[in-house]
Amino acid sequence: MQAGTIAVDRTTQAEPSSDAVLAGFRRSIDNIDSALICMLAERFRITQAVGEYKARTSLPPADPAREAQQVERLRRLAVEADLDPEFSEKFIRFVIEEVIRHHQQAAAAAA
């Protein structure tokens, strides 16, 4: 061994890629992430249709009463699911803001 070199005992360090338990957890996380993306894509396909409908019928892009109902409903669901309701609110507000932006674009295109 050269001076200044540190010996590492590799028999006690598990490589992340060789840890079967961790790999199993990661596969599950990857599957859930895939499902989340597919569900978000479907949600945005539907909200795109809503935005086009609102634009054709001259409805406003935002519906504050509906948005407040959704936030409260998802906070309740989060509590029931043992998920932080603050996180769920931040998440749904982010989604709502993006939906409104798309609805505003649809309204501008229809004008």
N, C-alpha and C. Protein backbone atom coordinates (compact mmCIF):
# COMPACT_ATOMS: atom_id res chain seq x y z
N MET A 1 0.85 -1.16 0.00
CA MET A 1 0.00 0.00 0.00
C MET A 1 0.90 1.23 0.00
N GLN A 2 0.51 2.26 -0.81
CA GLN A 2 1.29 3.48 -0.90
C GLN A 2 0.99 4.38 0.29
N ALA A 3 1.93 5.25 0.59
CA ALA A 3 1.73 6.21 1.68
C ALA A 3 0.56 7.12 1.32
N GLY A 4 -0.27 7.43 2.29
CA GLY A 4 -1.41 8.32 2.07
C GLY A 4 -2.64 7.58 1.57
N THR A 5 -2.55 6.30 1.31
CA THR A 5 -3.69 5.52 0.84
C THR A 5 -4.41 4.93 2.05
N ILE A 6 -5.73 5.01 2.04
CA ILE A 6 -6.53 4.48 3.13
C ILE A 6 -7.11 3.14 2.69
N ALA A 7 -6.93 2.15 3.53
CA ALA A 7 -7.48 0.84 3.24
C ALA A 7 -8.97 0.83 3.59
N VAL A 8 -9.78 0.25 2.73
CA VAL A 8 -11.21 0.14 2.96
C VAL A 8 -11.56 -1.33 2.99
N ASP A 9 -12.23 -1.73 4.06
CA ASP A 9 -12.68 -3.11 4.20
C ASP A 9 -14.01 -3.25 3.46
N ARG A 10 -13.97 -3.76 2.26
CA ARG A 10 -15.17 -3.87 1.43
C ARG A 10 -16.07 -5.02 1.87
N THR A 11 -15.65 -5.86 2.74
CA THR A 11 -16.50 -6.97 3.19
C THR A 11 -17.61 -6.49 4.12
N THR A 12 -17.43 -5.32 4.73
CA THR A 12 -18.46 -4.82 5.64
C THR A 12 -19.31 -3.73 5.00
N GLN A 13 -18.98 -3.29 3.80
CA GLN A 13 -19.75 -2.26 3.13
C GLN A 13 -20.56 -2.88 1.99
N ALA A 14 -21.87 -2.82 2.10
CA ALA A 14 -22.73 -3.35 1.04
C ALA A 14 -22.85 -2.31 -0.06
N GLU A 15 -22.65 -2.72 -1.28
CA GLU A 15 -22.86 -1.84 -2.41
C GLU A 15 -24.36 -1.65 -2.58
N PRO A 16 -24.83 -0.42 -2.77
CA PRO A 16 -26.27 -0.19 -2.89
C PRO A 16 -26.93 -1.07 -3.95
N SER A 17 -26.26 -1.30 -5.06
CA SER A 17 -26.88 -2.07 -6.12
C SER A 17 -26.97 -3.56 -5.78
N SER A 18 -26.20 -4.01 -4.79
CA SER A 18 -26.24 -5.43 -4.44
C SER A 18 -27.12 -5.71 -3.23
N ASP A 19 -27.74 -4.68 -2.66
CA ASP A 19 -28.60 -4.83 -1.50
C ASP A 19 -30.00 -5.18 -2.00
N ALA A 20 -30.39 -6.44 -1.85
CA ALA A 20 -31.67 -6.92 -2.39
C ALA A 20 -32.87 -6.24 -1.74
N VAL A 21 -32.79 -5.96 -0.46
CA VAL A 21 -33.91 -5.32 0.23
C VAL A 21 -34.10 -3.90 -0.32
N LEU A 22 -33.00 -3.15 -0.38
CA LEU A 22 -33.07 -1.79 -0.91
C LEU A 22 -33.53 -1.80 -2.36
N ALA A 23 -33.03 -2.73 -3.13
CA ALA A 23 -33.44 -2.83 -4.54
C ALA A 23 -34.94 -3.09 -4.65
N GLY A 24 -35.47 -3.92 -3.77
CA GLY A 24 -36.91 -4.19 -3.78
C GLY A 24 -37.72 -2.95 -3.44
N PHE A 25 -37.27 -2.22 -2.43
CA PHE A 25 -37.95 -0.96 -2.09
C PHE A 25 -37.92 -0.01 -3.28
N ARG A 26 -36.77 0.08 -3.91
CA ARG A 26 -36.63 1.02 -5.04
C ARG A 26 -37.50 0.61 -6.21
N ARG A 27 -37.64 -0.68 -6.46
CA ARG A 27 -38.54 -1.14 -7.53
C ARG A 27 -39.97 -0.72 -7.21
N SER A 28 -40.37 -0.88 -5.96
CA SER A 28 -41.72 -0.47 -5.57
C SER A 28 -41.91 1.04 -5.74
N ILE A 29 -40.93 1.81 -5.33
CA ILE A 29 -40.99 3.26 -5.50
C ILE A 29 -41.08 3.62 -6.97
N ASP A 30 -40.28 2.98 -7.79
CA ASP A 30 -40.30 3.25 -9.24
C ASP A 30 -41.67 2.93 -9.83
N ASN A 31 -42.27 1.82 -9.41
CA ASN A 31 -43.61 1.46 -9.90
C ASN A 31 -44.64 2.50 -9.48
N ILE A 32 -44.57 2.94 -8.24
CA ILE A 32 -45.51 3.95 -7.75
C ILE A 32 -45.30 5.26 -8.50
N ASP A 33 -44.05 5.66 -8.71
CA ASP A 33 -43.77 6.88 -9.47
C ASP A 33 -44.34 6.80 -10.88
N SER A 34 -44.21 5.64 -11.50
CA SER A 34 -44.77 5.46 -12.85
C SER A 34 -46.28 5.62 -12.83
N ALA A 35 -46.93 5.02 -11.84
CA ALA A 35 -48.38 5.13 -11.73
C ALA A 35 -48.79 6.58 -11.48
N LEU A 36 -48.05 7.29 -10.63
CA LEU A 36 -48.36 8.70 -10.36
C LEU A 36 -48.29 9.53 -11.64
N ILE A 37 -47.26 9.32 -12.43
CA ILE A 37 -47.11 10.08 -13.68
C ILE A 37 -48.25 9.77 -14.63
N CYS A 38 -48.61 8.50 -14.75
CA CYS A 38 -49.72 8.13 -15.63
C CYS A 38 -51.03 8.75 -15.14
N MET A 39 -51.24 8.75 -13.84
CA MET A 39 -52.46 9.33 -13.29
C MET A 39 -52.48 10.85 -13.48
N LEU A 40 -51.34 11.50 -13.29
CA LEU A 40 -51.28 12.94 -13.52
C LEU A 40 -51.53 13.27 -14.99
N ALA A 41 -50.99 12.46 -15.88
CA ALA A 41 -51.20 12.68 -17.31
C ALA A 41 -52.69 12.57 -17.64
N GLU A 42 -53.35 11.57 -17.10
CA GLU A 42 -54.79 11.41 -17.33
C GLU A 42 -55.57 12.58 -16.73
N ARG A 43 -55.18 13.01 -15.55
CA ARG A 43 -55.85 14.14 -14.92
C ARG A 43 -55.72 15.39 -15.79
N PHE A 44 -54.53 15.62 -16.33
CA PHE A 44 -54.32 16.80 -17.16
C PHE A 44 -55.02 16.68 -18.51
N ARG A 45 -55.19 15.47 -19.04
CA ARG A 45 -55.98 15.30 -20.26
C ARG A 45 -57.42 15.75 -20.00
N ILE A 46 -57.96 15.37 -18.86
CA ILE A 46 -59.33 15.74 -18.53
C ILE A 46 -59.44 17.23 -18.27
N THR A 47 -58.49 17.79 -17.51
CA THR A 47 -58.57 19.22 -17.23
C THR A 47 -58.34 20.05 -18.49
N GLN A 48 -57.62 19.50 -19.45
CA GLN A 48 -57.46 20.19 -20.75
C GLN A 48 -58.82 20.30 -21.43
N ALA A 49 -59.59 19.22 -21.40
CA ALA A 49 -60.94 19.25 -21.97
C ALA A 49 -61.82 20.25 -21.23
N VAL A 50 -61.67 20.30 -19.90
CA VAL A 50 -62.43 21.27 -19.10
C VAL A 50 -62.06 22.69 -19.54
N GLY A 51 -60.77 22.94 -19.71
CA GLY A 51 -60.32 24.26 -20.12
C GLY A 51 -60.87 24.66 -21.49
N GLU A 52 -60.89 23.72 -22.41
CA GLU A 52 -61.45 24.00 -23.74
C GLU A 52 -62.95 24.29 -23.64
N TYR A 53 -63.64 23.52 -22.81
CA TYR A 53 -65.07 23.74 -22.59
C TYR A 53 -65.31 25.12 -21.98
N LYS A 54 -64.54 25.45 -20.96
CA LYS A 54 -64.68 26.76 -20.33
C LYS A 54 -64.43 27.88 -21.33
N ALA A 55 -63.45 27.71 -22.18
CA ALA A 55 -63.14 28.74 -23.17
C ALA A 55 -64.30 28.90 -24.16
N ARG A 56 -64.88 27.77 -24.61
CA ARG A 56 -66.00 27.83 -25.57
C ARG A 56 -67.25 28.45 -24.95
N THR A 57 -67.43 28.24 -23.67
CA THR A 57 -68.65 28.71 -23.01
C THR A 57 -68.43 29.99 -22.20
N SER A 58 -67.28 30.59 -22.36
CA SER A 58 -66.93 31.86 -21.70
C SER A 58 -66.97 31.77 -20.18
N LEU A 59 -66.63 30.62 -19.65
CA LEU A 59 -66.50 30.48 -18.19
C LEU A 59 -65.09 30.90 -17.78
N PRO A 60 -64.93 31.42 -16.57
CA PRO A 60 -63.60 31.85 -16.13
C PRO A 60 -62.66 30.65 -15.96
N PRO A 61 -61.35 30.87 -16.18
CA PRO A 61 -60.38 29.78 -16.06
C PRO A 61 -60.29 29.21 -14.65
N ALA A 62 -60.52 30.03 -13.64
CA ALA A 62 -60.41 29.59 -12.25
C ALA A 62 -61.80 29.53 -11.62
N ASP A 63 -61.94 28.61 -10.67
CA ASP A 63 -63.18 28.47 -9.91
C ASP A 63 -62.79 28.35 -8.44
N PRO A 64 -62.61 29.49 -7.77
CA PRO A 64 -62.11 29.47 -6.38
C PRO A 64 -62.92 28.61 -5.42
N ALA A 65 -64.23 28.56 -5.58
CA ALA A 65 -65.06 27.74 -4.69
C ALA A 65 -64.74 26.25 -4.88
N ARG A 66 -64.66 25.82 -6.13
CA ARG A 66 -64.32 24.42 -6.43
C ARG A 66 -62.92 24.10 -5.93
N GLU A 67 -61.99 25.02 -6.13
CA GLU A 67 -60.61 24.79 -5.70
C GLU A 67 -60.54 24.62 -4.18
N ALA A 68 -61.26 25.46 -3.45
CA ALA A 68 -61.28 25.36 -1.98
C ALA A 68 -61.88 24.03 -1.54
N GLN A 69 -62.94 23.59 -2.21
CA GLN A 69 -63.54 22.30 -1.90
C GLN A 69 -62.54 21.17 -2.12
N GLN A 70 -61.81 21.23 -3.22
CA GLN A 70 -60.83 20.19 -3.53
C GLN A 70 -59.71 20.16 -2.50
N VAL A 71 -59.23 21.31 -2.12
CA VAL A 71 -58.15 21.38 -1.13
C VAL A 71 -58.62 20.75 0.18
N GLU A 72 -59.80 21.12 0.63
CA GLU A 72 -60.32 20.56 1.88
C GLU A 72 -60.56 19.07 1.77
N ARG A 73 -61.12 18.62 0.65
CA ARG A 73 -61.38 17.19 0.46
C ARG A 73 -60.08 16.40 0.48
N LEU A 74 -59.06 16.91 -0.20
CA LEU A 74 -57.78 16.19 -0.25
C LEU A 74 -57.04 16.26 1.08
N ARG A 75 -57.22 17.32 1.84
CA ARG A 75 -56.64 17.36 3.19
C ARG A 75 -57.27 16.26 4.06
N ARG A 76 -58.59 16.10 3.96
CA ARG A 76 -59.27 15.04 4.73
C ARG A 76 -58.78 13.66 4.29
N LEU A 77 -58.67 13.45 2.99
CA LEU A 77 -58.17 12.17 2.49
C LEU A 77 -56.75 11.91 2.97
N ALA A 78 -55.94 12.95 3.00
CA ALA A 78 -54.56 12.80 3.46
C ALA A 78 -54.52 12.35 4.91
N VAL A 79 -55.34 12.97 5.74
CA VAL A 79 -55.38 12.59 7.16
C VAL A 79 -55.79 11.12 7.27
N GLU A 80 -56.83 10.72 6.52
CA GLU A 80 -57.28 9.32 6.56
C GLU A 80 -56.21 8.36 6.08
N ALA A 81 -55.37 8.81 5.15
CA ALA A 81 -54.32 7.96 4.59
C ALA A 81 -53.01 8.06 5.35
N ASP A 82 -53.01 8.81 6.45
CA ASP A 82 -51.80 9.02 7.25
C ASP A 82 -50.71 9.71 6.44
N LEU A 83 -51.13 10.71 5.67
CA LEU A 83 -50.22 11.55 4.89
C LEU A 83 -50.34 12.96 5.44
N ASP A 84 -49.24 13.67 5.46
CA ASP A 84 -49.23 15.04 5.96
C ASP A 84 -50.20 15.90 5.15
N PRO A 85 -51.26 16.45 5.77
CA PRO A 85 -52.22 17.26 5.03
C PRO A 85 -51.61 18.54 4.47
N GLU A 86 -50.58 19.07 5.12
CA GLU A 86 -49.91 20.26 4.59
C GLU A 86 -49.24 19.92 3.26
N PHE A 87 -48.60 18.76 3.20
CA PHE A 87 -47.98 18.33 1.95
C PHE A 87 -49.04 18.15 0.87
N SER A 88 -50.14 17.49 1.22
CA SER A 88 -51.18 17.25 0.21
C SER A 88 -51.75 18.58 -0.29
N GLU A 89 -51.89 19.55 0.59
CA GLU A 89 -52.39 20.86 0.15
C GLU A 89 -51.41 21.55 -0.78
N LYS A 90 -50.13 21.52 -0.43
CA LYS A 90 -49.13 22.12 -1.32
C LYS A 90 -49.15 21.46 -2.68
N PHE A 91 -49.26 20.14 -2.68
CA PHE A 91 -49.26 19.40 -3.94
C PHE A 91 -50.47 19.77 -4.79
N ILE A 92 -51.67 19.72 -4.19
CA ILE A 92 -52.87 20.00 -4.99
C ILE A 92 -52.92 21.45 -5.43
N ARG A 93 -52.43 22.36 -4.60
CA ARG A 93 -52.39 23.78 -5.02
C ARG A 93 -51.45 23.96 -6.21
N PHE A 94 -50.34 23.25 -6.22
CA PHE A 94 -49.42 23.30 -7.36
C PHE A 94 -50.13 22.80 -8.62
N VAL A 95 -50.84 21.69 -8.50
CA VAL A 95 -51.57 21.12 -9.64
C VAL A 95 -52.65 22.10 -10.11
N ILE A 96 -53.40 22.66 -9.17
CA ILE A 96 -54.46 23.61 -9.52
C ILE A 96 -53.89 24.82 -10.25
N GLU A 97 -52.78 25.34 -9.78
CA GLU A 97 -52.16 26.50 -10.44
C GLU A 97 -51.79 26.17 -11.88
N GLU A 98 -51.28 24.97 -12.09
CA GLU A 98 -50.91 24.56 -13.46
C GLU A 98 -52.16 24.40 -14.32
N VAL A 99 -53.21 23.84 -13.77
CA VAL A 99 -54.47 23.68 -14.50
C VAL A 99 -55.02 25.05 -14.89
N ILE A 100 -55.03 25.99 -13.97
CA ILE A 100 -55.52 27.34 -14.25
C ILE A 100 -54.70 27.98 -15.37
N ARG A 101 -53.39 27.79 -15.31
CA ARG A 101 -52.53 28.34 -16.38
C ARG A 101 -52.94 27.76 -17.73
N HIS A 102 -53.20 26.46 -17.78
CA HIS A 102 -53.64 25.84 -19.04
C HIS A 102 -55.01 26.40 -19.47
N HIS A 103 -55.91 26.61 -18.51
CA HIS A 103 -57.22 27.15 -18.83
C HIS A 103 -57.11 28.58 -19.36
N GLN A 104 -56.19 29.35 -18.79
CA GLN A 104 -55.97 30.71 -19.29
C GLN A 104 -55.44 30.68 -20.71
N GLN A 105 -54.57 29.74 -21.01
CA GLN A 105 -54.06 29.61 -22.37
C GLN A 105 -55.18 29.23 -23.34
N ALA A 106 -56.06 28.34 -22.92
CA ALA A 106 -57.19 27.93 -23.76
C ALA A 106 -58.12 29.12 -24.01
N ALA A 107 -58.36 29.93 -22.96
CA ALA A 107 -59.22 31.10 -23.09
C ALA A 107 -58.59 32.11 -24.05
N ALA A 108 -57.29 32.31 -23.96
CA ALA A 108 -56.60 33.26 -24.84
C ALA A 108 -56.65 32.77 -26.29
N ALA A 109 -56.51 31.47 -26.48
CA ALA A 109 -56.54 30.91 -27.83
C ALA A 109 -57.94 31.02 -28.45
N ALA A 110 -58.97 30.94 -27.60
CA ALA A 110 -60.34 31.00 -28.09
C ALA A 110 -60.79 32.45 -28.36
N ALA A 111 -60.07 33.40 -27.81
CA ALA A 111 -60.47 34.82 -27.96
C ALA A 111 -60.15 35.36 -29.33
